[in-house]
PDB file of N, CA and C in Angstrom:
ATOM      1  N   MET A   1     -20.875   2.482  -2.109  1.00  0.00           N
ATOM      2  CA  MET A   1     -20.635   1.955  -3.440  1.00  0.00           C
ATOM      3  C   MET A   1     -19.424   1.031  -3.394  1.00  0.00           C
ATOM      4  N   GLY A   2     -19.572  -0.166  -3.904  1.00  0.00           N
ATOM      5  CA  GLY A   2     -18.510  -1.149  -3.853  1.00  0.00           C
ATOM      6  C   GLY A   2     -17.620  -1.133  -5.083  1.00  0.00           C
ATOM      7  N   MET A   3     -16.627  -1.996  -5.042  1.00  0.00           N
ATOM      8  CA  MET A   3     -15.683  -2.139  -6.146  1.00  0.00           C
ATOM      9  C   MET A   3     -16.046  -3.379  -6.953  1.00  0.00           C
ATOM     10  N   THR A   4     -15.733  -3.311  -8.228  1.00  0.00           N
ATOM     11  CA  THR A   4     -15.837  -4.520  -9.042  1.00  0.00           C
ATOM     12  C   THR A   4     -14.615  -5.385  -8.746  1.00  0.00           C
ATOM     13  N   ASP A   5     -14.655  -6.613  -9.178  1.00  0.00           N
ATOM     14  CA  ASP A   5     -13.509  -7.505  -8.978  1.00  0.00           C
ATOM     15  C   ASP A   5     -12.249  -6.933  -9.613  1.00  0.00           C
ATOM     16  N   SER A   6     -12.362  -6.386 -10.806  1.00  0.00           N
ATOM     17  CA  SER A   6     -11.171  -5.866 -11.486  1.00  0.00           C
ATOM     18  C   SER A   6     -10.644  -4.609 -10.786  1.00  0.00           C
ATOM     19  N   GLN A   7     -11.531  -3.785 -10.237  1.00  0.00           N
ATOM     20  CA  GLN A   7     -11.077  -2.609  -9.486  1.00  0.00           C
ATOM     21  C   GLN A   7     -10.347  -3.045  -8.215  1.00  0.00           C
ATOM     22  N   PHE A   8     -10.895  -4.055  -7.529  1.00  0.00           N
ATOM     23  CA  PHE A   8     -10.263  -4.555  -6.319  1.00  0.00           C
ATOM     24  C   PHE A   8      -8.887  -5.143  -6.624  1.00  0.00           C
ATOM     25  N   LYS A   9      -8.795  -5.902  -7.707  1.00  0.00           N
ATOM     26  CA  LYS A   9      -7.502  -6.477  -8.100  1.00  0.00           C
ATOM     27  C   LYS A   9      -6.496  -5.370  -8.419  1.00  0.00           C
ATOM     28  N   GLY A  10      -6.947  -4.301  -9.053  1.00  0.00           N
ATOM     29  CA  GLY A  10      -6.076  -3.168  -9.339  1.00  0.00           C
ATOM     30  C   GLY A  10      -5.579  -2.525  -8.060  1.00  0.00           C
ATOM     31  N   PHE A  11      -6.466  -2.371  -7.088  1.00  0.00           N
ATOM     32  CA  PHE A  11      -6.092  -1.815  -5.787  1.00  0.00           C
ATOM     33  C   PHE A  11      -5.029  -2.689  -5.116  1.00  0.00           C
ATOM     34  N   ILE A  12      -5.247  -4.005  -5.141  1.00  0.00           N
ATOM     35  CA  ILE A  12      -4.280  -4.936  -4.545  1.00  0.00           C
ATOM     36  C   ILE A  12      -2.934  -4.843  -5.254  1.00  0.00           C
ATOM     37  N   ARG A  13      -2.940  -4.653  -6.576  1.00  0.00           N
ATOM     38  CA  ARG A  13      -1.676  -4.516  -7.320  1.00  0.00           C
ATOM     39  C   ARG A  13      -0.893  -3.295  -6.848  1.00  0.00           C
ATOM     40  N   PHE A  14      -1.600  -2.172  -6.611  1.00  0.00           N
ATOM     41  CA  PHE A  14      -0.929  -0.968  -6.106  1.00  0.00           C
ATOM     42  C   PHE A  14      -0.298  -1.227  -4.742  1.00  0.00           C
ATOM     43  N   VAL A  15      -1.030  -1.883  -3.857  1.00  0.00           N
ATOM     44  CA  VAL A  15      -0.510  -2.181  -2.522  1.00  0.00           C
ATOM     45  C   VAL A  15       0.681  -3.131  -2.626  1.00  0.00           C
ATOM     46  N   LEU A  16       0.563  -4.141  -3.450  1.00  0.00           N
ATOM     47  CA  LEU A  16       1.651  -5.105  -3.627  1.00  0.00           C
ATOM     48  C   LEU A  16       2.904  -4.435  -4.180  1.00  0.00           C
ATOM     49  N   ASP A  17       2.751  -3.564  -5.166  1.00  0.00           N
ATOM     50  CA  ASP A  17       3.895  -2.829  -5.721  1.00  0.00           C
ATOM     51  C   ASP A  17       4.596  -2.011  -4.638  1.00  0.00           C
ATOM     52  N   ASP A  18       3.802  -1.335  -3.792  1.00  0.00           N
ATOM     53  CA  ASP A  18       4.386  -0.551  -2.703  1.00  0.00           C
ATOM     54  C   ASP A  18       5.145  -1.446  -1.731  1.00  0.00           C
ATOM     55  N   LEU A  19       4.576  -2.588  -1.384  1.00  0.00           N
ATOM     56  CA  LEU A  19       5.226  -3.492  -0.436  1.00  0.00           C
ATOM     57  C   LEU A  19       6.513  -4.080  -1.015  1.00  0.00           C
ATOM     58  N   ILE A  20       6.512  -4.391  -2.298  1.00  0.00           N
ATOM     59  CA  ILE A  20       7.729  -4.907  -2.950  1.00  0.00           C
ATOM     60  C   ILE A  20       8.809  -3.830  -2.942  1.00  0.00           C
ATOM     61  N   GLU A  21       8.419  -2.590  -3.202  1.00  0.00           N
ATOM     62  CA  GLU A  21       9.377  -1.483  -3.168  1.00  0.00           C
ATOM     63  C   GLU A  21       9.948  -1.315  -1.761  1.00  0.00           C
ATOM     64  N   ILE A  22       9.110  -1.410  -0.760  1.00  0.00           N
ATOM     65  CA  ILE A  22       9.566  -1.289   0.625  1.00  0.00           C
ATOM     66  C   ILE A  22      10.528  -2.415   0.965  1.00  0.00           C
ATOM     67  N   GLN A  23      10.215  -3.609   0.537  1.00  0.00           N
ATOM     68  CA  GLN A  23      11.058  -4.771   0.826  1.00  0.00           C
ATOM     69  C   GLN A  23      12.453  -4.606   0.226  1.00  0.00           C
ATOM     70  N   SER A  24      12.544  -3.961  -0.930  1.00  0.00           N
ATOM     71  CA  SER A  24      13.837  -3.823  -1.598  1.00  0.00           C
ATOM     72  C   SER A  24      14.657  -2.652  -1.060  1.00  0.00           C
ATOM     73  N   GLU A  25      14.054  -1.820  -0.213  1.00  0.00           N
ATOM     74  CA  GLU A  25      14.755  -0.666   0.360  1.00  0.00           C
ATOM     75  C   GLU A  25      15.815  -1.152   1.350  1.00  0.00           C
ATOM     76  N   SER A  26      17.056  -0.718   1.159  1.00  0.00           N
ATOM     77  CA  SER A  26      18.137  -1.171   2.036  1.00  0.00           C
ATOM     78  C   SER A  26      18.259  -0.323   3.305  1.00  0.00           C
ATOM     79  N   ASN A  27      17.838   0.919   3.229  1.00  0.00           N
ATOM     80  CA  ASN A  27      17.894   1.817   4.377  1.00  0.00           C
ATOM     81  C   ASN A  27      16.680   1.548   5.264  1.00  0.00           C
ATOM     82  N   THR A  28      16.926   1.057   6.492  1.00  0.00           N
ATOM     83  CA  THR A  28      15.810   0.676   7.355  1.00  0.00           C
ATOM     84  C   THR A  28      14.962   1.873   7.787  1.00  0.00           C
ATOM     85  N   GLU A  29      15.567   3.046   7.885  1.00  0.00           N
ATOM     86  CA  GLU A  29      14.786   4.235   8.247  1.00  0.00           C
ATOM     87  C   GLU A  29      13.805   4.593   7.128  1.00  0.00           C
ATOM     88  N   LYS A  30      14.304   4.582   5.884  1.00  0.00           N
ATOM     89  CA  LYS A  30      13.431   4.861   4.742  1.00  0.00           C
ATOM     90  C   LYS A  30      12.377   3.773   4.598  1.00  0.00           C
ATOM     91  N   GLN A  31      12.777   2.538   4.851  1.00  0.00           N
ATOM     92  CA  GLN A  31      11.849   1.418   4.772  1.00  0.00           C
ATOM     93  C   GLN A  31      10.695   1.628   5.761  1.00  0.00           C
ATOM     94  N   SER A  32      11.040   2.036   6.954  1.00  0.00           N
ATOM     95  CA  SER A  32      10.035   2.279   7.986  1.00  0.00           C
ATOM     96  C   SER A  32       9.109   3.434   7.604  1.00  0.00           C
ATOM     97  N   GLU A  33       9.666   4.501   7.053  1.00  0.00           N
ATOM     98  CA  GLU A  33       8.863   5.652   6.620  1.00  0.00           C
ATOM     99  C   GLU A  33       7.880   5.249   5.517  1.00  0.00           C
ATOM    100  N   LYS A  34       8.366   4.468   4.561  1.00  0.00           N
ATOM    101  CA  LYS A  34       7.513   4.037   3.457  1.00  0.00           C
ATOM    102  C   LYS A  34       6.402   3.115   3.953  1.00  0.00           C
ATOM    103  N   MET A  35       6.734   2.236   4.898  1.00  0.00           N
ATOM    104  CA  MET A  35       5.734   1.332   5.452  1.00  0.00           C
ATOM    105  C   MET A  35       4.659   2.119   6.191  1.00  0.00           C
ATOM    106  N   LYS A  36       5.065   3.131   6.937  1.00  0.00           N
ATOM    107  CA  LYS A  36       4.099   3.971   7.643  1.00  0.00           C
ATOM    108  C   LYS A  36       3.162   4.666   6.648  1.00  0.00           C
ATOM    109  N   LYS A  37       3.707   5.117   5.528  1.00  0.00           N
ATOM    110  CA  LYS A  37       2.891   5.778   4.513  1.00  0.00           C
ATOM    111  C   LYS A  37       1.847   4.814   3.934  1.00  0.00           C
ATOM    112  N   VAL A  38       2.251   3.584   3.643  1.00  0.00           N
ATOM    113  CA  VAL A  38       1.313   2.588   3.118  1.00  0.00           C
ATOM    114  C   VAL A  38       0.229   2.295   4.155  1.00  0.00           C
ATOM    115  N   ILE A  39       0.634   2.139   5.411  1.00  0.00           N
ATOM    116  CA  ILE A  39      -0.335   1.875   6.477  1.00  0.00           C
ATOM    117  C   ILE A  39      -1.314   3.027   6.611  1.00  0.00           C
ATOM    118  N   ASP A  40      -0.810   4.254   6.588  1.00  0.00           N
ATOM    119  CA  ASP A  40      -1.679   5.435   6.681  1.00  0.00           C
ATOM    120  C   ASP A  40      -2.665   5.487   5.514  1.00  0.00           C
ATOM    121  N   ASN A  41      -2.185   5.193   4.317  1.00  0.00           N
ATOM    122  CA  ASN A  41      -3.058   5.210   3.144  1.00  0.00           C
ATOM    123  C   ASN A  41      -4.141   4.135   3.239  1.00  0.00           C
ATOM    124  N   LEU A  42      -3.771   2.959   3.708  1.00  0.00           N
ATOM    125  CA  LEU A  42      -4.764   1.893   3.873  1.00  0.00           C
ATOM    126  C   LEU A  42      -5.802   2.274   4.926  1.00  0.00           C
ATOM    127  N   GLN A  43      -5.360   2.912   6.004  1.00  0.00           N
ATOM    128  CA  GLN A  43      -6.296   3.356   7.036  1.00  0.00           C
ATOM    129  C   GLN A  43      -7.279   4.379   6.480  1.00  0.00           C
ATOM    130  N   LYS A  44      -6.784   5.294   5.640  1.00  0.00           N
ATOM    131  CA  LYS A  44      -7.658   6.293   5.027  1.00  0.00           C
ATOM    132  C   LYS A  44      -8.701   5.628   4.135  1.00  0.00           C
ATOM    133  N   VAL A  45      -8.302   4.600   3.410  1.00  0.00           N
ATOM    134  CA  VAL A  45      -9.242   3.886   2.543  1.00  0.00           C
ATOM    135  C   VAL A  45     -10.342   3.249   3.395  1.00  0.00           C
ATOM    136  N   LEU A  46      -9.971   2.684   4.529  1.00  0.00           N
ATOM    137  CA  LEU A  46     -10.970   2.064   5.394  1.00  0.00           C
ATOM    138  C   LEU A  46     -11.937   3.081   5.981  1.00  0.00           C
ATOM    139  N   GLU A  47     -11.460   4.302   6.217  1.00  0.00           N
ATOM    140  CA  GLU A  47     -12.295   5.331   6.830  1.00  0.00           C
ATOM    141  C   GLU A  47     -13.224   6.009   5.839  1.00  0.00           C
ATOM    142  N   ASP A  48     -12.934   5.904   4.553  1.00  0.00           N
ATOM    143  CA  ASP A  48     -13.790   6.551   3.540  1.00  0.00           C
ATOM    144  C   ASP A  48     -15.098   5.843   3.353  1.00  0.00           C
TER     145      ASP A  48
END
């Protein structure tokens, strides 16, 4: 089952918000942890 255009845009907004939050993180260790979490979540989406 696929996504509608608006669902896909919503998904992209969530990813973009996470990436903006990661970019603003000053602690590089926390930044790395958050990036790993986003990557893991994206991988899970691809596997579903």
